[in-house]
Amino acid sequence: MEEPKVTKGDVLWGKAYMDRMRDMPFYIQGRKIVLEMIDNNVSIEQVLDFTGFTDHEFARMLAGDGPYTQQQYDDLYAQIRAHQTPVK
């Protein structure tokens, strides 16, 4: 069986790639988690501690790769806000 050929038009680079990524739900969820963490000065270690997630579970949530519901994401955002760390 012959493998499908990849043409130049099948590959996205630079701005076109990022435009496509920004429209994907997993990218939006992961970006929102990271921004919540930055805005609230919360580290990955803190998230793992208060959620009980393993590294792998949190990575799957960031990547949108898992059986996570919108409610679980909303709960995570609320937990991050509740554990806000003052900036020194």
PDB file of N, CA and C in Angstrom:
ATOM      1  N   MET A   1       0.840  -1.167   0.000  1.00  0.00           N
ATOM      2  CA  MET A   1       0.000   0.000   0.000  1.00  0.00           C
ATOM      3  C   MET A   1       0.897   1.246   0.000  1.00  0.00           C
ATOM      4  N   GLU A   2       0.546   2.178  -0.830  1.00  0.00           N
ATOM      5  CA  GLU A   2       1.334   3.400  -0.952  1.00  0.00           C
ATOM      6  C   GLU A   2       0.950   4.385   0.149  1.00  0.00           C
ATOM      7  N   GLU A   3       1.965   4.975   0.772  1.00  0.00           N
ATOM      8  CA  GLU A   3       1.747   5.972   1.830  1.00  0.00           C
ATOM      9  C   GLU A   3       1.213   7.261   1.222  1.00  0.00           C
ATOM     10  N   PRO A   4       0.343   7.966   1.954  1.00  0.00           N
ATOM     11  CA  PRO A   4      -0.134   9.257   1.421  1.00  0.00           C
ATOM     12  C   PRO A   4       1.017  10.255   1.334  1.00  0.00           C
ATOM     13  N   LYS A   5       0.987  11.054   0.316  1.00  0.00           N
ATOM     14  CA  LYS A   5       2.032  12.064   0.110  1.00  0.00           C
ATOM     15  C   LYS A   5       1.631  13.349   0.833  1.00  0.00           C
ATOM     16  N   VAL A   6       2.600  13.954   1.483  1.00  0.00           N
ATOM     17  CA  VAL A   6       2.399  15.232   2.155  1.00  0.00           C
ATOM     18  C   VAL A   6       2.893  16.315   1.213  1.00  0.00           C
ATOM     19  N   THR A   7       2.014  17.254   0.930  1.00  0.00           N
ATOM     20  CA  THR A   7       2.404  18.355   0.051  1.00  0.00           C
ATOM     21  C   THR A   7       2.688  19.598   0.886  1.00  0.00           C
ATOM     22  N   LYS A   8       3.303  20.571   0.273  1.00  0.00           N
ATOM     23  CA  LYS A   8       3.646  21.808   0.972  1.00  0.00           C
ATOM     24  C   LYS A   8       2.409  22.462   1.582  1.00  0.00           C
ATOM     25  N   GLY A   9       1.256  22.379   0.923  1.00  0.00           N
ATOM     26  CA  GLY A   9       0.022  22.979   1.432  1.00  0.00           C
ATOM     27  C   GLY A   9      -0.557  22.266   2.643  1.00  0.00           C
ATOM     28  N   ASP A  10      -0.074  21.032   2.935  1.00  0.00           N
ATOM     29  CA  ASP A  10      -0.565  20.264   4.081  1.00  0.00           C
ATOM     30  C   ASP A  10       0.102  20.675   5.389  1.00  0.00           C
ATOM     31  N   VAL A  11       1.185  21.412   5.297  1.00  0.00           N
ATOM     32  CA  VAL A  11       1.978  21.757   6.472  1.00  0.00           C
ATOM     33  C   VAL A  11       1.778  23.233   6.811  1.00  0.00           C
ATOM     34  N   LEU A  12       1.521  23.494   8.089  1.00  0.00           N
ATOM     35  CA  LEU A  12       1.355  24.875   8.544  1.00  0.00           C
ATOM     36  C   LEU A  12       2.606  25.324   9.280  1.00  0.00           C
ATOM     37  N   TRP A  13       2.983  26.570   9.088  1.00  0.00           N
ATOM     38  CA  TRP A  13       4.154  27.143   9.738  1.00  0.00           C
ATOM     39  C   TRP A  13       3.805  28.505  10.305  1.00  0.00           C
ATOM     40  N   GLY A  14       4.556  28.922  11.296  1.00  0.00           N
ATOM     41  CA  GLY A  14       4.484  30.283  11.812  1.00  0.00           C
ATOM     42  C   GLY A  14       3.097  30.736  12.216  1.00  0.00           C
ATOM     43  N   LYS A  15       2.679  31.870  11.680  1.00  0.00           N
ATOM     44  CA  LYS A  15       1.414  32.498  12.053  1.00  0.00           C
ATOM     45  C   LYS A  15       0.220  31.598  11.727  1.00  0.00           C
ATOM     46  N   ALA A  16       0.239  30.940  10.597  1.00  0.00           N
ATOM     47  CA  ALA A  16      -0.879  30.057  10.223  1.00  0.00           C
ATOM     48  C   ALA A  16      -1.027  28.920  11.229  1.00  0.00           C
ATOM     49  N   TYR A  17       0.107  28.376  11.670  1.00  0.00           N
ATOM     50  CA  TYR A  17       0.089  27.309  12.667  1.00  0.00           C
ATOM     51  C   TYR A  17      -0.512  27.809  13.970  1.00  0.00           C
ATOM     52  N   MET A  18      -0.048  28.958  14.453  1.00  0.00           N
ATOM     53  CA  MET A  18      -0.553  29.502  15.722  1.00  0.00           C
ATOM     54  C   MET A  18      -2.023  29.892  15.617  1.00  0.00           C
ATOM     55  N   ASP A  19      -2.437  30.415  14.486  1.00  0.00           N
ATOM     56  CA  ASP A  19      -3.850  30.746  14.296  1.00  0.00           C
ATOM     57  C   ASP A  19      -4.702  29.482  14.416  1.00  0.00           C
ATOM     58  N   ARG A  20      -4.253  28.391  13.828  1.00  0.00           N
ATOM     59  CA  ARG A  20      -4.981  27.119  13.904  1.00  0.00           C
ATOM     60  C   ARG A  20      -4.987  26.604  15.345  1.00  0.00           C
ATOM     61  N   MET A  21      -3.846  26.670  16.022  1.00  0.00           N
ATOM     62  CA  MET A  21      -3.741  26.183  17.399  1.00  0.00           C
ATOM     63  C   MET A  21      -4.665  26.967  18.334  1.00  0.00           C
ATOM     64  N   ARG A  22      -4.706  28.279  18.177  1.00  0.00           N
ATOM     65  CA  ARG A  22      -5.518  29.114  19.067  1.00  0.00           C
ATOM     66  C   ARG A  22      -7.004  28.793  18.996  1.00  0.00           C
ATOM     67  N   ASP A  23      -7.430  28.171  17.913  1.00  0.00           N
ATOM     68  CA  ASP A  23      -8.833  27.798  17.749  1.00  0.00           C
ATOM     69  C   ASP A  23      -9.160  26.431  18.338  1.00  0.00           C
ATOM     70  N   MET A  24      -8.154  25.692  18.766  1.00  0.00           N
ATOM     71  CA  MET A  24      -8.391  24.342  19.262  1.00  0.00           C
ATOM     72  C   MET A  24      -8.712  24.377  20.752  1.00  0.00           C
ATOM     73  N   PRO A  25      -9.742  23.646  21.182  1.00  0.00           N
ATOM     74  CA  PRO A  25     -10.168  23.689  22.588  1.00  0.00           C
ATOM     75  C   PRO A  25      -9.065  23.350  23.585  1.00  0.00           C
ATOM     76  N   PHE A  26      -8.223  22.352  23.288  1.00  0.00           N
ATOM     77  CA  PHE A  26      -7.187  21.991  24.248  1.00  0.00           C
ATOM     78  C   PHE A  26      -6.178  23.113  24.440  1.00  0.00           C
ATOM     79  N   TYR A  27      -5.888  23.857  23.386  1.00  0.00           N
ATOM     80  CA  TYR A  27      -4.946  24.970  23.487  1.00  0.00           C
ATOM     81  C   TYR A  27      -5.550  26.069  24.360  1.00  0.00           C
ATOM     82  N   ILE A  28      -6.821  26.331  24.148  1.00  0.00           N
ATOM     83  CA  ILE A  28      -7.522  27.366  24.915  1.00  0.00           C
ATOM     84  C   ILE A  28      -7.549  26.996  26.397  1.00  0.00           C
ATOM     85  N   GLN A  29      -7.873  25.732  26.720  1.00  0.00           N
ATOM     86  CA  GLN A  29      -7.926  25.281  28.117  1.00  0.00           C
ATOM     87  C   GLN A  29      -6.543  25.373  28.763  1.00  0.00           C
ATOM     88  N   GLY A  30      -5.530  24.841  28.083  1.00  0.00           N
ATOM     89  CA  GLY A  30      -4.176  24.856  28.643  1.00  0.00           C
ATOM     90  C   GLY A  30      -3.677  26.270  28.877  1.00  0.00           C
ATOM     91  N   ARG A  31      -3.927  27.150  27.922  1.00  0.00           N
ATOM     92  CA  ARG A  31      -3.507  28.543  28.061  1.00  0.00           C
ATOM     93  C   ARG A  31      -4.218  29.211  29.229  1.00  0.00           C
ATOM     94  N   LYS A  32      -5.514  28.916  29.389  1.00  0.00           N
ATOM     95  CA  LYS A  32      -6.266  29.521  30.484  1.00  0.00           C
ATOM     96  C   LYS A  32      -5.734  29.050  31.837  1.00  0.00           C
ATOM     97  N   ILE A  33      -5.386  27.768  31.950  1.00  0.00           N
ATOM     98  CA  ILE A  33      -4.823  27.255  33.205  1.00  0.00           C
ATOM     99  C   ILE A  33      -3.524  27.979  33.525  1.00  0.00           C
ATOM    100  N   VAL A  34      -2.637  28.067  32.537  1.00  0.00           N
ATOM    101  CA  VAL A  34      -1.338  28.717  32.756  1.00  0.00           C
ATOM    102  C   VAL A  34      -1.524  30.187  33.132  1.00  0.00           C
ATOM    103  N   LEU A  35      -2.426  30.893  32.447  1.00  0.00           N
ATOM    104  CA  LEU A  35      -2.661  32.303  32.778  1.00  0.00           C
ATOM    105  C   LEU A  35      -3.238  32.465  34.176  1.00  0.00           C
ATOM    106  N   GLU A  36      -4.139  31.572  34.592  1.00  0.00           N
ATOM    107  CA  GLU A  36      -4.667  31.614  35.970  1.00  0.00           C
ATOM    108  C   GLU A  36      -3.526  31.426  36.965  1.00  0.00           C
ATOM    109  N   MET A  37      -2.635  30.490  36.672  1.00  0.00           N
ATOM    110  CA  MET A  37      -1.504  30.246  37.572  1.00  0.00           C
ATOM    111  C   MET A  37      -0.605  31.472  37.662  1.00  0.00           C
ATOM    112  N   ILE A  38      -0.310  32.092  36.531  1.00  0.00           N
ATOM    113  CA  ILE A  38       0.551  33.282  36.514  1.00  0.00           C
ATOM    114  C   ILE A  38      -0.135  34.435  37.241  1.00  0.00           C
ATOM    115  N   ASP A  39      -1.397  34.689  36.908  1.00  0.00           N
ATOM    116  CA  ASP A  39      -2.124  35.811  37.512  1.00  0.00           C
ATOM    117  C   ASP A  39      -2.258  35.676  39.025  1.00  0.00           C
ATOM    118  N   ASN A  40      -2.301  34.441  39.516  1.00  0.00           N
ATOM    119  CA  ASN A  40      -2.493  34.203  40.942  1.00  0.00           C
ATOM    120  C   ASN A  40      -1.222  33.758  41.647  1.00  0.00           C
ATOM    121  N   ASN A  41      -0.090  33.798  40.918  1.00  0.00           N
ATOM    122  CA  ASN A  41       1.213  33.462  41.491  1.00  0.00           C
ATOM    123  C   ASN A  41       1.188  32.081  42.157  1.00  0.00           C
ATOM    124  N   VAL A  42       0.681  31.100  41.424  1.00  0.00           N
ATOM    125  CA  VAL A  42       0.571  29.731  41.929  1.00  0.00           C
ATOM    126  C   VAL A  42       1.493  28.846  41.091  1.00  0.00           C
ATOM    127  N   SER A  43       2.309  28.040  41.756  1.00  0.00           N
ATOM    128  CA  SER A  43       3.263  27.169  41.056  1.00  0.00           C
ATOM    129  C   SER A  43       2.629  25.823  40.716  1.00  0.00           C
ATOM    130  N   ILE A  44       3.305  25.090  39.861  1.00  0.00           N
ATOM    131  CA  ILE A  44       2.855  23.737  39.526  1.00  0.00           C
ATOM    132  C   ILE A  44       2.853  22.868  40.774  1.00  0.00           C
ATOM    133  N   GLU A  45       3.866  23.012  41.605  1.00  0.00           N
ATOM    134  CA  GLU A  45       3.939  22.223  42.828  1.00  0.00           C
ATOM    135  C   GLU A  45       2.727  22.481  43.716  1.00  0.00           C
ATOM    136  N   GLN A  46       2.310  23.749  43.805  1.00  0.00           N
ATOM    137  CA  GLN A  46       1.133  24.082  44.606  1.00  0.00           C
ATOM    138  C   GLN A  46      -0.122  23.445  44.007  1.00  0.00           C
ATOM    139  N   VAL A  47      -0.263  23.522  42.677  1.00  0.00           N
ATOM    140  CA  VAL A  47      -1.434  22.924  42.020  1.00  0.00           C
ATOM    141  C   VAL A  47      -1.476  21.432  42.299  1.00  0.00           C
ATOM    142  N   LEU A  48      -0.348  20.763  42.160  1.00  0.00           N
ATOM    143  CA  LEU A  48      -0.308  19.323  42.411  1.00  0.00           C
ATOM    144  C   LEU A  48      -0.655  19.023  43.861  1.00  0.00           C
ATOM    145  N   ASP A  49      -0.202  19.865  44.769  1.00  0.00           N
ATOM    146  CA  ASP A  49      -0.458  19.662  46.189  1.00  0.00           C
ATOM    147  C   ASP A  49      -1.943  19.819  46.522  1.00  0.00           C
ATOM    148  N   PHE A  50      -2.563  20.908  46.094  1.00  0.00           N
ATOM    149  CA  PHE A  50      -3.956  21.119  46.498  1.00  0.00           C
ATOM    150  C   PHE A  50      -4.972  20.366  45.658  1.00  0.00           C
ATOM    151  N   THR A  51      -4.584  19.885  44.468  1.00  0.00           N
ATOM    152  CA  THR A  51      -5.534  19.096  43.666  1.00  0.00           C
ATOM    153  C   THR A  51      -5.382  17.600  43.897  1.00  0.00           C
ATOM    154  N   GLY A  52      -4.184  17.199  44.310  1.00  0.00           N
ATOM    155  CA  GLY A  52      -3.910  15.772  44.441  1.00  0.00           C
ATOM    156  C   GLY A  52      -3.583  15.102  43.112  1.00  0.00           C
ATOM    157  N   PHE A  53      -3.473  15.889  42.032  1.00  0.00           N
ATOM    158  CA  PHE A  53      -3.111  15.336  40.729  1.00  0.00           C
ATOM    159  C   PHE A  53      -1.669  14.850  40.752  1.00  0.00           C
ATOM    160  N   THR A  54      -1.389  13.837  39.946  1.00  0.00           N
ATOM    161  CA  THR A  54      -0.001  13.466  39.679  1.00  0.00           C
ATOM    162  C   THR A  54       0.504  14.397  38.572  1.00  0.00           C
ATOM    163  N   ASP A  55       1.810  14.391  38.359  1.00  0.00           N
ATOM    164  CA  ASP A  55       2.375  15.177  37.247  1.00  0.00           C
ATOM    165  C   ASP A  55       1.684  14.820  35.937  1.00  0.00           C
ATOM    166  N   HIS A  56       1.515  13.514  35.738  1.00  0.00           N
ATOM    167  CA  HIS A  56       0.934  13.020  34.487  1.00  0.00           C
ATOM    168  C   HIS A  56      -0.522  13.483  34.332  1.00  0.00           C
ATOM    169  N   GLU A  57      -1.294  13.416  35.401  1.00  0.00           N
ATOM    170  CA  GLU A  57      -2.698  13.848  35.327  1.00  0.00           C
ATOM    171  C   GLU A  57      -2.802  15.337  35.004  1.00  0.00           C
ATOM    172  N   PHE A  58      -1.958  16.136  35.653  1.00  0.00           N
ATOM    173  CA  PHE A  58      -1.991  17.573  35.393  1.00  0.00           C
ATOM    174  C   PHE A  58      -1.545  17.870  33.964  1.00  0.00           C
ATOM    175  N   ALA A  59      -0.531  17.163  33.488  1.00  0.00           N
ATOM    176  CA  ALA A  59      -0.076  17.350  32.109  1.00  0.00           C
ATOM    177  C   ALA A  59      -1.186  16.996  31.125  1.00  0.00           C
ATOM    178  N   ARG A  60      -1.919  15.932  31.407  1.00  0.00           N
ATOM    179  CA  ARG A  60      -3.036  15.555  30.531  1.00  0.00           C
ATOM    180  C   ARG A  60      -4.121  16.622  30.539  1.00  0.00           C
ATOM    181  N   MET A  61      -4.353  17.219  31.706  1.00  0.00           N
ATOM    182  CA  MET A  61      -5.366  18.274  31.785  1.00  0.00           C
ATOM    183  C   MET A  61      -4.908  19.496  30.990  1.00  0.00           C
ATOM    184  N   LEU A  62      -3.630  19.851  31.126  1.00  0.00           N
ATOM    185  CA  LEU A  62      -3.081  20.978  30.361  1.00  0.00           C
ATOM    186  C   LEU A  62      -3.192  20.736  28.859  1.00  0.00           C
ATOM    187  N   ALA A  63      -2.963  19.492  28.460  1.00  0.00           N
ATOM    188  CA  ALA A  63      -2.972  19.152  27.037  1.00  0.00           C
ATOM    189  C   ALA A  63      -4.380  18.878  26.510  1.00  0.00           C
ATOM    190  N   GLY A  64      -5.369  18.859  27.413  1.00  0.00           N
ATOM    191  CA  GLY A  64      -6.723  18.540  26.976  1.00  0.00           C
ATOM    192  C   GLY A  64      -6.846  17.092  26.573  1.00  0.00           C
ATOM    193  N   ASP A  65      -5.993  16.254  27.125  1.00  0.00           N
ATOM    194  CA  ASP A  65      -5.942  14.840  26.770  1.00  0.00           C
ATOM    195  C   ASP A  65      -6.427  14.005  27.945  1.00  0.00           C
ATOM    196  N   GLY A  66      -7.700  13.871  28.059  1.00  0.00           N
ATOM    197  CA  GLY A  66      -8.228  13.072  29.151  1.00  0.00           C
ATOM    198  C   GLY A  66      -9.718  13.256  29.294  1.00  0.00           C
ATOM    199  N   PRO A  67     -10.292  12.544  30.226  1.00  0.00           N
ATOM    200  CA  PRO A  67     -11.745  12.560  30.396  1.00  0.00           C
ATOM    201  C   PRO A  67     -12.218  13.714  31.283  1.00  0.00           C
ATOM    202  N   TYR A  68     -11.626  14.887  31.136  1.00  0.00           N
ATOM    203  CA  TYR A  68     -11.958  16.012  32.005  1.00  0.00           C
ATOM    204  C   TYR A  68     -13.162  16.777  31.464  1.00  0.00           C
ATOM    205  N   THR A  69     -14.034  17.166  32.377  1.00  0.00           N
ATOM    206  CA  THR A  69     -15.237  17.917  31.998  1.00  0.00           C
ATOM    207  C   THR A  69     -14.990  19.405  32.187  1.00  0.00           C
ATOM    208  N   GLN A  70     -15.865  20.200  31.608  1.00  0.00           N
ATOM    209  CA  GLN A  70     -15.769  21.649  31.795  1.00  0.00           C
ATOM    210  C   GLN A  70     -15.870  22.001  33.276  1.00  0.00           C
ATOM    211  N   GLN A  71     -16.696  21.262  34.015  1.00  0.00           N
ATOM    212  CA  GLN A  71     -16.834  21.513  35.452  1.00  0.00           C
ATOM    213  C   GLN A  71     -15.510  21.278  36.175  1.00  0.00           C
ATOM    214  N   GLN A  72     -14.766  20.263  35.790  1.00  0.00           N
ATOM    215  CA  GLN A  72     -13.466  20.007  36.416  1.00  0.00           C
ATOM    216  C   GLN A  72     -12.480  21.138  36.120  1.00  0.00           C
ATOM    217  N   TYR A  73     -12.526  21.666  34.894  1.00  0.00           N
ATOM    218  CA  TYR A  73     -11.676  22.816  34.576  1.00  0.00           C
ATOM    219  C   TYR A  73     -12.102  24.029  35.398  1.00  0.00           C
ATOM    220  N   ASP A  74     -13.398  24.276  35.490  1.00  0.00           N
ATOM    221  CA  ASP A  74     -13.892  25.412  36.282  1.00  0.00           C
ATOM    222  C   ASP A  74     -13.492  25.270  37.746  1.00  0.00           C
ATOM    223  N   ASP A  75     -13.563  24.041  38.273  1.00  0.00           N
ATOM    224  CA  ASP A  75     -13.151  23.785  39.662  1.00  0.00           C
ATOM    225  C   ASP A  75     -11.666  24.059  39.842  1.00  0.00           C
ATOM    226  N   LEU A  76     -10.861  23.675  38.848  1.00  0.00           N
ATOM    227  CA  LEU A  76      -9.422  23.930  38.927  1.00  0.00           C
ATOM    228  C   LEU A  76      -9.140  25.427  38.945  1.00  0.00           C
ATOM    229  N   TYR A  77      -9.818  26.192  38.077  1.00  0.00           N
ATOM    230  CA  TYR A  77      -9.611  27.645  38.063  1.00  0.00           C
ATOM    231  C   TYR A  77      -9.965  28.237  39.431  1.00  0.00           C
ATOM    232  N   ALA A  78     -11.060  27.781  40.016  1.00  0.00           N
ATOM    233  CA  ALA A  78     -11.485  28.283  41.334  1.00  0.00           C
ATOM    234  C   ALA A  78     -10.462  27.920  42.407  1.00  0.00           C
ATOM    235  N   GLN A  79      -9.920  26.701  42.352  1.00  0.00           N
ATOM    236  CA  GLN A  79      -8.900  26.296  43.319  1.00  0.00           C
ATOM    237  C   GLN A  79      -7.642  27.148  43.169  1.00  0.00           C
ATOM    238  N   ILE A  80      -7.244  27.417  41.951  1.00  0.00           N
ATOM    239  CA  ILE A  80      -6.059  28.252  41.732  1.00  0.00           C
ATOM    240  C   ILE A  80      -6.293  29.639  42.327  1.00  0.00           C
ATOM    241  N   ARG A  81      -7.461  30.214  42.069  1.00  0.00           N
ATOM    242  CA  ARG A  81      -7.761  31.546  42.622  1.00  0.00           C
ATOM    243  C   ARG A  81      -7.786  31.516  44.147  1.00  0.00           C
ATOM    244  N   ALA A  82      -8.305  30.440  44.722  1.00  0.00           N
ATOM    245  CA  ALA A  82      -8.393  30.327  46.182  1.00  0.00           C
ATOM    246  C   ALA A  82      -7.022  30.181  46.835  1.00  0.00           C
ATOM    247  N   HIS A  83      -6.035  29.708  46.097  1.00  0.00           N
ATOM    248  CA  HIS A  83      -4.688  29.516  46.637  1.00  0.00           C
ATOM    249  C   HIS A  83      -3.718  30.585  46.160  1.00  0.00           C
ATOM    250  N   GLN A  84      -4.272  31.737  45.840  1.00  0.00           N
ATOM    251  CA  GLN A  84      -3.451  32.847  45.368  1.00  0.00           C
ATOM    252  C   GLN A  84      -2.326  33.138  46.354  1.00  0.00           C
ATOM    253  N   THR A  85      -1.135  33.339  45.830  1.00  0.00           N
ATOM    254  CA  THR A  85       0.039  33.645  46.649  1.00  0.00           C
ATOM    255  C   THR A  85       0.414  35.102  46.415  1.00  0.00           C
ATOM    256  N   PRO A  86       0.475  35.896  47.473  1.00  0.00           N
ATOM    257  CA  PRO A  86       0.880  37.295  47.284  1.00  0.00           C
ATOM    258  C   PRO A  86       2.297  37.396  46.696  1.00  0.00           C
ATOM    259  N   VAL A  87       2.485  38.334  45.818  1.00  0.00           N
ATOM    260  CA  VAL A  87       3.799  38.577  45.234  1.00  0.00           C
ATOM    261  C   VAL A  87       4.616  39.391  46.227  1.00  0.00           C
ATOM    262  N   LYS A  88       5.846  38.953  46.472  1.00  0.00           N
ATOM    263  CA  LYS A  88       6.702  39.656  47.450  1.00  0.00           C
ATOM    264  C   LYS A  88       7.545  40.672  46.755  1.00  0.00           C
TER     265      LYS A  88
END
